[in-house]
Amino acid sequence: MARYRVNTRFVFSGVFEVEADSRTEARELVMKECGLVMGGSIHTTLDDEEVDWDFDIHPETEIGRITIKRN
């Protein structure tokens, strides 16, 4: 039996709705103020009146390169 290293990415897709004056500001707000921590939940530092979101609770699993782990 061997040990393998499997590069894996979990992708959560969804939508943040934010109040902003421009597309650029909306992008910056989401990049700076919204996030997700594994084992936690989707979070934001924006006020409830400024943001809403809709995300699936199960991610897509993407498998990348698989290599054998050698000593």
C-alpha atoms as a PDB file:
ATOM      1  CA  MET A   1       0.000   0.000   0.000  1.00  0.00           C
ATOM      2  CA  ALA A   2       1.262   3.521  -0.843  1.00  0.00           C
ATOM      3  CA  ARG A   3       0.461   7.014   0.369  1.00  0.00           C
ATOM      4  CA  TYR A   4      -0.770   9.463  -2.294  1.00  0.00           C
ATOM      5  CA  ARG A   5      -0.943  13.230  -2.271  1.00  0.00           C
ATOM      6  CA  VAL A   6      -4.190  14.370  -3.944  1.00  0.00           C
ATOM      7  CA  ASN A   7      -4.465  18.077  -4.790  1.00  0.00           C
ATOM      8  CA  THR A   8      -8.077  18.982  -4.114  1.00  0.00           C
ATOM      9  CA  ARG A   9     -10.131  22.149  -4.399  1.00  0.00           C
ATOM     10  CA  PHE A  10     -13.573  22.681  -2.891  1.00  0.00           C
ATOM     11  CA  VAL A  11     -15.520  25.318  -4.799  1.00  0.00           C
ATOM     12  CA  PHE A  12     -18.523  27.057  -3.262  1.00  0.00           C
ATOM     13  CA  SER A  13     -20.482  29.024  -5.838  1.00  0.00           C
ATOM     14  CA  GLY A  14     -23.066  31.619  -5.043  1.00  0.00           C
ATOM     15  CA  VAL A  15     -24.017  35.276  -5.096  1.00  0.00           C
ATOM     16  CA  PHE A  16     -23.438  38.227  -2.794  1.00  0.00           C
ATOM     17  CA  GLU A  17     -25.806  41.158  -3.246  1.00  0.00           C
ATOM     18  CA  VAL A  18     -24.216  44.377  -1.960  1.00  0.00           C
ATOM     19  CA  GLU A  19     -25.114  48.054  -2.017  1.00  0.00           C
ATOM     20  CA  ALA A  20     -22.422  50.018  -3.838  1.00  0.00           C
ATOM     21  CA  ASP A  21     -21.960  53.046  -6.084  1.00  0.00           C
ATOM     22  CA  SER A  22     -20.173  51.092  -8.834  1.00  0.00           C
ATOM     23  CA  ARG A  23     -19.156  47.617 -10.002  1.00  0.00           C
ATOM     24  CA  THR A  24     -15.637  48.322  -8.784  1.00  0.00           C
ATOM     25  CA  GLU A  25     -16.863  49.215  -5.307  1.00  0.00           C
ATOM     26  CA  ALA A  26     -19.147  46.153  -5.212  1.00  0.00           C
ATOM     27  CA  ARG A  27     -16.197  43.898  -6.122  1.00  0.00           C
ATOM     28  CA  GLU A  28     -13.959  45.520  -3.502  1.00  0.00           C
ATOM     29  CA  LEU A  29     -16.619  45.148  -0.792  1.00  0.00           C
ATOM     30  CA  VAL A  30     -17.011  41.437  -1.440  1.00  0.00           C
ATOM     31  CA  MET A  31     -13.247  40.865  -1.713  1.00  0.00           C
ATOM     32  CA  LYS A  32     -12.479  42.739   1.523  1.00  0.00           C
ATOM     33  CA  GLU A  33     -15.567  42.217   3.689  1.00  0.00           C
ATOM     34  CA  CYS A  34     -16.982  38.768   2.858  1.00  0.00           C
ATOM     35  CA  GLY A  35     -15.574  35.285   3.274  1.00  0.00           C
ATOM     36  CA  LEU A  36     -15.855  31.692   4.380  1.00  0.00           C
ATOM     37  CA  VAL A  37     -13.837  29.729   6.912  1.00  0.00           C
ATOM     38  CA  MET A  38     -13.751  25.951   6.792  1.00  0.00           C
ATOM     39  CA  GLY A  39     -15.691  24.606   9.745  1.00  0.00           C
ATOM     40  CA  GLY A  40     -17.411  27.959  10.117  1.00  0.00           C
ATOM     41  CA  SER A  41     -19.922  29.763   8.023  1.00  0.00           C
ATOM     42  CA  ILE A  42     -20.188  32.450   5.390  1.00  0.00           C
ATOM     43  CA  HIS A  43     -19.545  35.753   7.084  1.00  0.00           C
ATOM     44  CA  THR A  44     -19.277  39.455   6.386  1.00  0.00           C
ATOM     45  CA  THR A  45     -18.357  42.586   8.263  1.00  0.00           C
ATOM     46  CA  LEU A  46     -21.000  44.547   6.323  1.00  0.00           C
ATOM     47  CA  ASP A  47     -24.301  45.496   7.975  1.00  0.00           C
ATOM     48  CA  ASP A  48     -27.275  43.214   7.274  1.00  0.00           C
ATOM     49  CA  GLU A  49     -28.951  46.046   5.338  1.00  0.00           C
ATOM     50  CA  GLU A  50     -25.937  46.278   2.999  1.00  0.00           C
ATOM     51  CA  VAL A  51     -25.495  42.634   2.016  1.00  0.00           C
ATOM     52  CA  ASP A  52     -27.362  39.389   1.334  1.00  0.00           C
ATOM     53  CA  TRP A  53     -26.059  36.103  -0.013  1.00  0.00           C
ATOM     54  CA  ASP A  54     -27.186  32.812  -1.525  1.00  0.00           C
ATOM     55  CA  PHE A  55     -24.699  29.925  -1.542  1.00  0.00           C
ATOM     56  CA  ASP A  56     -25.040  26.160  -1.766  1.00  0.00           C
ATOM     57  CA  ILE A  57     -23.961  24.442   1.440  1.00  0.00           C
ATOM     58  CA  HIS A  58     -22.148  21.665  -0.431  1.00  0.00           C
ATOM     59  CA  PRO A  59     -19.137  22.525  -2.616  1.00  0.00           C
ATOM     60  CA  GLU A  60     -18.081  21.076  -5.931  1.00  0.00           C
ATOM     61  CA  THR A  61     -15.025  18.863  -5.503  1.00  0.00           C
ATOM     62  CA  GLU A  62     -12.253  19.274  -8.069  1.00  0.00           C
ATOM     63  CA  ILE A  63      -9.405  16.767  -8.084  1.00  0.00           C
ATOM     64  CA  GLY A  64      -6.085  17.878  -9.525  1.00  0.00           C
ATOM     65  CA  ARG A  65      -2.746  16.191  -9.795  1.00  0.00           C
ATOM     66  CA  ILE A  66      -2.191  12.959  -7.850  1.00  0.00           C
ATOM     67  CA  THR A  67       1.358  12.024  -6.900  1.00  0.00           C
ATOM     68  CA  ILE A  68       2.803   9.161  -4.916  1.00  0.00           C
ATOM     69  CA  LYS A  69       4.373  10.269  -1.639  1.00  0.00           C
ATOM     70  CA  ARG A  70       7.930   8.985  -1.308  1.00  0.00           C
ATOM     71  CA  ASN A  71      10.049   8.929   1.829  1.00  0.00           C
END
